[in-house]
Amino acid sequence: MANPAWKVAADVADGYVSLNPVVLKKYEKHEVDTLLKELEKLTRDTRSQVVPQDDAEASATRSRRLLRLSQANVVLQSWRMRMLR
């Protein structure tokens, strides 16, 4: 992996990187596992952040971030299952 897993996970959460099968082809199994753990950790951290109720923009940003992390998690788990076959 060219970048550390925590950096790739942060880039996914911020929308700079999108995980898809073409991007994931260059990763080995242990790298996919590490990236999955980092995505889960970042998801927990994002969910634990408290956003003021009157701040609609911060709430939308948090929701988009969680959506990106969730989608990346699904893509990674699907890719991981295909790697095990």
PDB file of N, CA and C in Angstrom:
ATOM      1  N   MET A   1       0.855  -1.166   0.000  1.00  0.00           N
ATOM      2  CA  MET A   1       0.000   0.000   0.000  1.00  0.00           C
ATOM      3  C   MET A   1       0.903   1.231   0.000  1.00  0.00           C
ATOM      4  N   ALA A   2       0.689   2.112  -0.931  1.00  0.00           N
ATOM      5  CA  ALA A   2       1.528   3.300  -1.066  1.00  0.00           C
ATOM      6  C   ALA A   2       1.330   4.260   0.108  1.00  0.00           C
ATOM      7  N   ASN A   3       0.103   4.435   0.524  1.00  0.00           N
ATOM      8  CA  ASN A   3      -0.214   5.301   1.664  1.00  0.00           C
ATOM      9  C   ASN A   3      -0.597   4.438   2.859  1.00  0.00           C
ATOM     10  N   PRO A   4      -0.411   4.955   4.068  1.00  0.00           N
ATOM     11  CA  PRO A   4      -0.859   4.193   5.237  1.00  0.00           C
ATOM     12  C   PRO A   4      -2.378   4.012   5.219  1.00  0.00           C
ATOM     13  N   ALA A   5      -2.847   2.948   5.841  1.00  0.00           N
ATOM     14  CA  ALA A   5      -4.280   2.633   5.833  1.00  0.00           C
ATOM     15  C   ALA A   5      -5.101   3.743   6.476  1.00  0.00           C
ATOM     16  N   TRP A   6      -4.574   4.366   7.532  1.00  0.00           N
ATOM     17  CA  TRP A   6      -5.336   5.429   8.195  1.00  0.00           C
ATOM     18  C   TRP A   6      -5.520   6.622   7.261  1.00  0.00           C
ATOM     19  N   LYS A   7      -4.540   6.879   6.401  1.00  0.00           N
ATOM     20  CA  LYS A   7      -4.621   8.004   5.459  1.00  0.00           C
ATOM     21  C   LYS A   7      -5.640   7.703   4.350  1.00  0.00           C
ATOM     22  N   VAL A   8      -5.629   6.476   3.852  1.00  0.00           N
ATOM     23  CA  VAL A   8      -6.593   6.085   2.816  1.00  0.00           C
ATOM     24  C   VAL A   8      -8.010   6.153   3.384  1.00  0.00           C
ATOM     25  N   ALA A   9      -8.195   5.688   4.622  1.00  0.00           N
ATOM     26  CA  ALA A   9      -9.512   5.735   5.260  1.00  0.00           C
ATOM     27  C   ALA A   9      -9.978   7.182   5.428  1.00  0.00           C
ATOM     28  N   ALA A  10      -9.078   8.068   5.831  1.00  0.00           N
ATOM     29  CA  ALA A  10      -9.434   9.481   5.979  1.00  0.00           C
ATOM     30  C   ALA A  10      -9.787  10.094   4.625  1.00  0.00           C
ATOM     31  N   ASP A  11      -9.059   9.732   3.582  1.00  0.00           N
ATOM     32  CA  ASP A  11      -9.359  10.243   2.247  1.00  0.00           C
ATOM     33  C   ASP A  11     -10.711   9.741   1.742  1.00  0.00           C
ATOM     34  N   VAL A  12     -11.042   8.510   2.059  1.00  0.00           N
ATOM     35  CA  VAL A  12     -12.353   7.967   1.688  1.00  0.00           C
ATOM     36  C   VAL A  12     -13.446   8.743   2.417  1.00  0.00           C
ATOM     37  N   ALA A  13     -13.258   8.967   3.697  1.00  0.00           N
ATOM     38  CA  ALA A  13     -14.261   9.683   4.491  1.00  0.00           C
ATOM     39  C   ALA A  13     -14.458  11.111   3.995  1.00  0.00           C
ATOM     40  N   ASP A  14     -13.379  11.745   3.545  1.00  0.00           N
ATOM     41  CA  ASP A  14     -13.467  13.121   3.057  1.00  0.00           C
ATOM     42  C   ASP A  14     -13.914  13.208   1.600  1.00  0.00           C
ATOM     43  N   GLY A  15     -14.002  12.077   0.922  1.00  0.00           N
ATOM     44  CA  GLY A  15     -14.483  12.057  -0.452  1.00  0.00           C
ATOM     45  C   GLY A  15     -13.410  12.211  -1.503  1.00  0.00           C
ATOM     46  N   TYR A  16     -12.145  12.152  -1.126  1.00  0.00           N
ATOM     47  CA  TYR A  16     -11.060  12.291  -2.091  1.00  0.00           C
ATOM     48  C   TYR A  16     -10.782  11.000  -2.846  1.00  0.00           C
ATOM     49  N   VAL A  17     -11.089   9.874  -2.223  1.00  0.00           N
ATOM     50  CA  VAL A  17     -10.845   8.566  -2.817  1.00  0.00           C
ATOM     51  C   VAL A  17     -12.138   7.768  -2.762  1.00  0.00           C
ATOM     52  N   SER A  18     -12.425   7.069  -3.839  1.00  0.00           N
ATOM     53  CA  SER A  18     -13.581   6.187  -3.879  1.00  0.00           C
ATOM     54  C   SER A  18     -13.081   4.760  -4.079  1.00  0.00           C
ATOM     55  N   LEU A  19     -13.514   3.868  -3.219  1.00  0.00           N
ATOM     56  CA  LEU A  19     -13.077   2.482  -3.336  1.00  0.00           C
ATOM     57  C   LEU A  19     -13.976   1.746  -4.313  1.00  0.00           C
ATOM     58  N   ASN A  20     -13.356   1.067  -5.251  1.00  0.00           N
ATOM     59  CA  ASN A  20     -14.062   0.230  -6.209  1.00  0.00           C
ATOM     60  C   ASN A  20     -13.151  -0.937  -6.570  1.00  0.00           C
ATOM     61  N   PRO A  21     -13.661  -1.942  -7.261  1.00  0.00           N
ATOM     62  CA  PRO A  21     -12.828  -3.120  -7.562  1.00  0.00           C
ATOM     63  C   PRO A  21     -11.548  -2.800  -8.335  1.00  0.00           C
ATOM     64  N   VAL A  22     -11.570  -1.797  -9.175  1.00  0.00           N
ATOM     65  CA  VAL A  22     -10.363  -1.445  -9.935  1.00  0.00           C
ATOM     66  C   VAL A  22      -9.270  -0.936  -8.996  1.00  0.00           C
ATOM     67  N   VAL A  23      -9.651  -0.086  -8.044  1.00  0.00           N
ATOM     68  CA  VAL A  23      -8.690   0.455  -7.082  1.00  0.00           C
ATOM     69  C   VAL A  23      -8.198  -0.642  -6.141  1.00  0.00           C
ATOM     70  N   LEU A  24      -9.096  -1.549  -5.759  1.00  0.00           N
ATOM     71  CA  LEU A  24      -8.756  -2.574  -4.776  1.00  0.00           C
ATOM     72  C   LEU A  24      -7.903  -3.710  -5.337  1.00  0.00           C
ATOM     73  N   LYS A  25      -7.778  -3.804  -6.652  1.00  0.00           N
ATOM     74  CA  LYS A  25      -6.979  -4.879  -7.249  1.00  0.00           C
ATOM     75  C   LYS A  25      -5.522  -4.839  -6.817  1.00  0.00           C
ATOM     76  N   LYS A  26      -5.008  -3.658  -6.532  1.00  0.00           N
ATOM     77  CA  LYS A  26      -3.594  -3.544  -6.200  1.00  0.00           C
ATOM     78  C   LYS A  26      -3.299  -3.876  -4.737  1.00  0.00           C
ATOM     79  N   TYR A  27      -4.334  -4.070  -3.920  1.00  0.00           N
ATOM     80  CA  TYR A  27      -4.137  -4.359  -2.504  1.00  0.00           C
ATOM     81  C   TYR A  27      -4.099  -5.863  -2.246  1.00  0.00           C
ATOM     82  N   GLU A  28      -3.264  -6.258  -1.312  1.00  0.00           N
ATOM     83  CA  GLU A  28      -3.212  -7.653  -0.879  1.00  0.00           C
ATOM     84  C   GLU A  28      -4.196  -7.856   0.273  1.00  0.00           C
ATOM     85  N   LYS A  29      -4.401  -9.126   0.644  1.00  0.00           N
ATOM     86  CA  LYS A  29      -5.412  -9.441   1.653  1.00  0.00           C
ATOM     87  C   LYS A  29      -5.142  -8.735   2.980  1.00  0.00           C
ATOM     88  N   HIS A  30      -3.909  -8.754   3.449  1.00  0.00           N
ATOM     89  CA  HIS A  30      -3.621  -8.130   4.742  1.00  0.00           C
ATOM     90  C   HIS A  30      -3.808  -6.612   4.681  1.00  0.00           C
ATOM     91  N   GLU A  31      -3.594  -6.012   3.516  1.00  0.00           N
ATOM     92  CA  GLU A  31      -3.816  -4.576   3.362  1.00  0.00           C
ATOM     93  C   GLU A  31      -5.309  -4.249   3.378  1.00  0.00           C
ATOM     94  N   VAL A  32      -6.113  -5.109   2.771  1.00  0.00           N
ATOM     95  CA  VAL A  32      -7.562  -4.915   2.776  1.00  0.00           C
ATOM     96  C   VAL A  32      -8.091  -5.043   4.205  1.00  0.00           C
ATOM     97  N   ASP A  33      -7.583  -6.020   4.948  1.00  0.00           N
ATOM     98  CA  ASP A  33      -8.005  -6.200   6.338  1.00  0.00           C
ATOM     99  C   ASP A  33      -7.646  -4.979   7.183  1.00  0.00           C
ATOM    100  N   THR A  34      -6.444  -4.458   7.006  1.00  0.00           N
ATOM    101  CA  THR A  34      -6.016  -3.273   7.754  1.00  0.00           C
ATOM    102  C   THR A  34      -6.867  -2.065   7.402  1.00  0.00           C
ATOM    103  N   LEU A  35      -7.154  -1.892   6.122  1.00  0.00           N
ATOM    104  CA  LEU A  35      -7.983  -0.772   5.685  1.00  0.00           C
ATOM    105  C   LEU A  35      -9.400  -0.890   6.245  1.00  0.00           C
ATOM    106  N   LEU A  36      -9.922  -2.094   6.290  1.00  0.00           N
ATOM    107  CA  LEU A  36     -11.253  -2.311   6.849  1.00  0.00           C
ATOM    108  C   LEU A  36     -11.295  -1.938   8.328  1.00  0.00           C
ATOM    109  N   LYS A  37     -10.265  -2.305   9.070  1.00  0.00           N
ATOM    110  CA  LYS A  37     -10.204  -1.944  10.490  1.00  0.00           C
ATOM    111  C   LYS A  37     -10.129  -0.431  10.669  1.00  0.00           C
ATOM    112  N   GLU A  38      -9.356   0.227   9.828  1.00  0.00           N
ATOM    113  CA  GLU A  38      -9.240   1.687   9.923  1.00  0.00           C
ATOM    114  C   GLU A  38     -10.555   2.381   9.571  1.00  0.00           C
ATOM    115  N   LEU A  39     -11.269   1.844   8.580  1.00  0.00           N
ATOM    116  CA  LEU A  39     -12.569   2.411   8.225  1.00  0.00           C
ATOM    117  C   LEU A  39     -13.555   2.265   9.375  1.00  0.00           C
ATOM    118  N   GLU A  40     -13.537   1.102  10.032  1.00  0.00           N
ATOM    119  CA  GLU A  40     -14.433   0.880  11.160  1.00  0.00           C
ATOM    120  C   GLU A  40     -14.092   1.818  12.323  1.00  0.00           C
ATOM    121  N   LYS A  41     -12.794   2.017  12.562  1.00  0.00           N
ATOM    122  CA  LYS A  41     -12.376   2.917  13.632  1.00  0.00           C
ATOM    123  C   LYS A  41     -12.806   4.359  13.326  1.00  0.00           C
ATOM    124  N   LEU A  42     -12.630   4.775  12.094  1.00  0.00           N
ATOM    125  CA  LEU A  42     -13.014   6.128  11.700  1.00  0.00           C
ATOM    126  C   LEU A  42     -14.533   6.310  11.762  1.00  0.00           C
ATOM    127  N   THR A  43     -15.275   5.257  11.446  1.00  0.00           N
ATOM    128  CA  THR A  43     -16.731   5.313  11.548  1.00  0.00           C
ATOM    129  C   THR A  43     -17.152   5.502  12.997  1.00  0.00           C
ATOM    130  N   ARG A  44     -16.533   4.758  13.899  1.00  0.00           N
ATOM    131  CA  ARG A  44     -16.845   4.921  15.329  1.00  0.00           C
ATOM    132  C   ARG A  44     -16.525   6.332  15.809  1.00  0.00           C
ATOM    133  N   ASP A  45     -15.377   6.844  15.389  1.00  0.00           N
ATOM    134  CA  ASP A  45     -14.989   8.198  15.790  1.00  0.00           C
ATOM    135  C   ASP A  45     -15.970   9.242  15.265  1.00  0.00           C
ATOM    136  N   THR A  46     -16.409   9.070  14.032  1.00  0.00           N
ATOM    137  CA  THR A  46     -17.339  10.020  13.430  1.00  0.00           C
ATOM    138  C   THR A  46     -18.697   9.954  14.119  1.00  0.00           C
ATOM    139  N   ARG A  47     -19.142   8.746  14.441  1.00  0.00           N
ATOM    140  CA  ARG A  47     -20.433   8.607  15.130  1.00  0.00           C
ATOM    141  C   ARG A  47     -20.397   9.181  16.535  1.00  0.00           C
ATOM    142  N   SER A  48     -19.230   9.177  17.151  1.00  0.00           N
ATOM    143  CA  SER A  48     -19.137   9.667  18.530  1.00  0.00           C
ATOM    144  C   SER A  48     -19.109  11.200  18.608  1.00  0.00           C
ATOM    145  N   GLN A  49     -18.882  11.859  17.482  1.00  0.00           N
ATOM    146  CA  GLN A  49     -18.865  13.322  17.478  1.00  0.00           C
ATOM    147  C   GLN A  49     -20.286  13.858  17.633  1.00  0.00           C
ATOM    148  N   VAL A  50     -20.434  14.802  18.544  1.00  0.00           N
ATOM    149  CA  VAL A  50     -21.742  15.409  18.793  1.00  0.00           C
ATOM    150  C   VAL A  50     -21.833  16.703  17.995  1.00  0.00           C
ATOM    151  N   VAL A  51     -22.894  16.788  17.201  1.00  0.00           N
ATOM    152  CA  VAL A  51     -23.121  17.969  16.367  1.00  0.00           C
ATOM    153  C   VAL A  51     -24.276  18.759  16.976  1.00  0.00           C
ATOM    154  N   PRO A  52     -24.125  20.066  17.117  1.00  0.00           N
ATOM    155  CA  PRO A  52     -25.239  20.870  17.646  1.00  0.00           C
ATOM    156  C   PRO A  52     -26.485  20.725  16.769  1.00  0.00           C
ATOM    157  N   GLN A  53     -27.635  20.695  17.399  1.00  0.00           N
ATOM    158  CA  GLN A  53     -28.885  20.489  16.665  1.00  0.00           C
ATOM    159  C   GLN A  53     -29.202  21.612  15.697  1.00  0.00           C
ATOM    160  N   ASP A  54     -28.752  22.812  15.989  1.00  0.00           N
ATOM    161  CA  ASP A  54     -29.085  23.947  15.128  1.00  0.00           C
ATOM    162  C   ASP A  54     -28.089  24.148  13.989  1.00  0.00           C
ATOM    163  N   ASP A  55     -27.074  23.314  13.900  1.00  0.00           N
ATOM    164  CA  ASP A  55     -26.058  23.435  12.846  1.00  0.00           C
ATOM    165  C   ASP A  55     -26.342  22.417  11.745  1.00  0.00           C
ATOM    166  N   ALA A  56     -27.148  22.833  10.776  1.00  0.00           N
ATOM    167  CA  ALA A  56     -27.572  21.929   9.705  1.00  0.00           C
ATOM    168  C   ALA A  56     -26.405  21.539   8.805  1.00  0.00           C
ATOM    169  N   GLU A  57     -25.503  22.458   8.548  1.00  0.00           N
ATOM    170  CA  GLU A  57     -24.373  22.166   7.664  1.00  0.00           C
ATOM    171  C   GLU A  57     -23.446  21.118   8.279  1.00  0.00           C
ATOM    172  N   ALA A  58     -23.161  21.231   9.553  1.00  0.00           N
ATOM    173  CA  ALA A  58     -22.304  20.248  10.223  1.00  0.00           C
ATOM    174  C   ALA A  58     -22.980  18.888  10.274  1.00  0.00           C
ATOM    175  N   SER A  59     -24.274  18.889  10.461  1.00  0.00           N
ATOM    176  CA  SER A  59     -25.023  17.630  10.486  1.00  0.00           C
ATOM    177  C   SER A  59     -24.989  16.959   9.113  1.00  0.00           C
ATOM    178  N   ALA A  60     -25.151  17.745   8.060  1.00  0.00           N
ATOM    179  CA  ALA A  60     -25.105  17.194   6.704  1.00  0.00           C
ATOM    180  C   ALA A  60     -23.709  16.674   6.376  1.00  0.00           C
ATOM    181  N   THR A  61     -22.690  17.400   6.797  1.00  0.00           N
ATOM    182  CA  THR A  61     -21.304  16.964   6.567  1.00  0.00           C
ATOM    183  C   THR A  61     -21.038  15.647   7.273  1.00  0.00           C
ATOM    184  N   ARG A  62     -21.487  15.532   8.507  1.00  0.00           N
ATOM    185  CA  ARG A  62     -21.309  14.292   9.271  1.00  0.00           C
ATOM    186  C   ARG A  62     -22.040  13.138   8.587  1.00  0.00           C
ATOM    187  N   SER A  63     -23.255  13.396   8.113  1.00  0.00           N
ATOM    188  CA  SER A  63     -24.040  12.359   7.441  1.00  0.00           C
ATOM    189  C   SER A  63     -23.370  11.898   6.151  1.00  0.00           C
ATOM    190  N   ARG A  64     -22.852  12.836   5.374  1.00  0.00           N
ATOM    191  CA  ARG A  64     -22.156  12.469   4.130  1.00  0.00           C
ATOM    192  C   ARG A  64     -20.917  11.646   4.431  1.00  0.00           C
ATOM    193  N   ARG A  65     -20.200  12.030   5.468  1.00  0.00           N
ATOM    194  CA  ARG A  65     -18.987  11.303   5.867  1.00  0.00           C
ATOM    195  C   ARG A  65     -19.333   9.866   6.267  1.00  0.00           C
ATOM    196  N   LEU A  66     -20.390   9.710   7.068  1.00  0.00           N
ATOM    197  CA  LEU A  66     -20.820   8.369   7.475  1.00  0.00           C
ATOM    198  C   LEU A  66     -21.302   7.552   6.288  1.00  0.00           C
ATOM    199  N   LEU A  67     -21.957   8.201   5.345  1.00  0.00           N
ATOM    200  CA  LEU A  67     -22.415   7.505   4.145  1.00  0.00           C
ATOM    201  C   LEU A  67     -21.236   6.984   3.331  1.00  0.00           C
ATOM    202  N   ARG A  68     -20.223   7.824   3.135  1.00  0.00           N
ATOM    203  CA  ARG A  68     -19.039   7.397   2.391  1.00  0.00           C
ATOM    204  C   ARG A  68     -18.332   6.229   3.089  1.00  0.00           C
ATOM    205  N   LEU A  69     -18.217   6.327   4.409  1.00  0.00           N
ATOM    206  CA  LEU A  69     -17.560   5.261   5.163  1.00  0.00           C
ATOM    207  C   LEU A  69     -18.354   3.955   5.095  1.00  0.00           C
ATOM    208  N   SER A  70     -19.654   4.072   5.177  1.00  0.00           N
ATOM    209  CA  SER A  70     -20.507   2.886   5.107  1.00  0.00           C
ATOM    210  C   SER A  70     -20.414   2.219   3.734  1.00  0.00           C
ATOM    211  N   GLN A  71     -20.458   3.009   2.690  1.00  0.00           N
ATOM    212  CA  GLN A  71     -20.353   2.458   1.339  1.00  0.00           C
ATOM    213  C   GLN A  71     -18.987   1.810   1.110  1.00  0.00           C
ATOM    214  N   ALA A  72     -17.940   2.440   1.591  1.00  0.00           N
ATOM    215  CA  ALA A  72     -16.601   1.871   1.447  1.00  0.00           C
ATOM    216  C   ALA A  72     -16.490   0.570   2.220  1.00  0.00           C
ATOM    217  N   ASN A  73     -17.121   0.515   3.380  1.00  0.00           N
ATOM    218  CA  ASN A  73     -17.113  -0.695   4.184  1.00  0.00           C
ATOM    219  C   ASN A  73     -17.790  -1.842   3.432  1.00  0.00           C
ATOM    220  N   VAL A  74     -18.917  -1.578   2.803  1.00  0.00           N
ATOM    221  CA  VAL A  74     -19.631  -2.602   2.039  1.00  0.00           C
ATOM    222  C   VAL A  74     -18.791  -3.073   0.853  1.00  0.00           C
ATOM    223  N   VAL A  75     -18.181  -2.133   0.141  1.00  0.00           N
ATOM    224  CA  VAL A  75     -17.353  -2.481  -1.015  1.00  0.00           C
ATOM    225  C   VAL A  75     -16.157  -3.331  -0.575  1.00  0.00           C
ATOM    226  N   LEU A  76     -15.520  -2.939   0.518  1.00  0.00           N
ATOM    227  CA  LEU A  76     -14.355  -3.686   1.007  1.00  0.00           C
ATOM    228  C   LEU A  76     -14.732  -5.081   1.471  1.00  0.00           C
ATOM    229  N   GLN A  77     -15.830  -5.214   2.180  1.00  0.00           N
ATOM    230  CA  GLN A  77     -16.251  -6.536   2.630  1.00  0.00           C
ATOM    231  C   GLN A  77     -16.605  -7.434   1.455  1.00  0.00           C
ATOM    232  N   SER A  78     -17.254  -6.871   0.461  1.00  0.00           N
ATOM    233  CA  SER A  78     -17.586  -7.637  -0.754  1.00  0.00           C
ATOM    234  C   SER A  78     -16.313  -8.071  -1.471  1.00  0.00           C
ATOM    235  N   TRP A  79     -15.360  -7.170  -1.595  1.00  0.00           N
ATOM    236  CA  TRP A  79     -14.080  -7.482  -2.244  1.00  0.00           C
ATOM    237  C   TRP A  79     -13.326  -8.556  -1.465  1.00  0.00           C
ATOM    238  N   ARG A  80     -13.372  -8.455  -0.150  1.00  0.00           N
ATOM    239  CA  ARG A  80     -12.686  -9.419   0.695  1.00  0.00           C
ATOM    240  C   ARG A  80     -13.273 -10.825   0.520  1.00  0.00           C
ATOM    241  N   MET A  81     -14.591 -10.906   0.417  1.00  0.00           N
ATOM    242  CA  MET A  81     -15.242 -12.202   0.206  1.00  0.00           C
ATOM    243  C   MET A  81     -14.860 -12.788  -1.155  1.00  0.00           C
ATOM    244  N   ARG A  82     -14.726 -11.929  -2.159  1.00  0.00           N
ATOM    245  CA  ARG A  82     -14.318 -12.412  -3.477  1.00  0.00           C
ATOM    246  C   ARG A  82     -12.877 -12.865  -3.477  1.00  0.00           C
ATOM    247  N   MET A  83     -12.040 -12.253  -2.631  1.00  0.00           N
ATOM    248  CA  MET A  83     -10.635 -12.657  -2.544  1.00  0.00           C
ATOM    249  C   MET A  83     -10.482 -14.029  -1.909  1.00  0.00           C
ATOM    250  N   LEU A  84     -11.414 -14.401  -1.029  1.00  0.00           N
ATOM    251  CA  LEU A  84     -11.317 -15.673  -0.315  1.00  0.00           C
ATOM    252  C   LEU A  84     -11.717 -16.857  -1.177  1.00  0.00           C
ATOM    253  N   ARG A  85     -12.386 -16.601  -2.258  1.00  0.00           N
ATOM    254  CA  ARG A  85     -12.841 -17.696  -3.135  1.00  0.00           C
ATOM    255  C   ARG A  85     -11.699 -18.321  -3.877  1.00  0.00           C
TER     256      ARG A  85
END
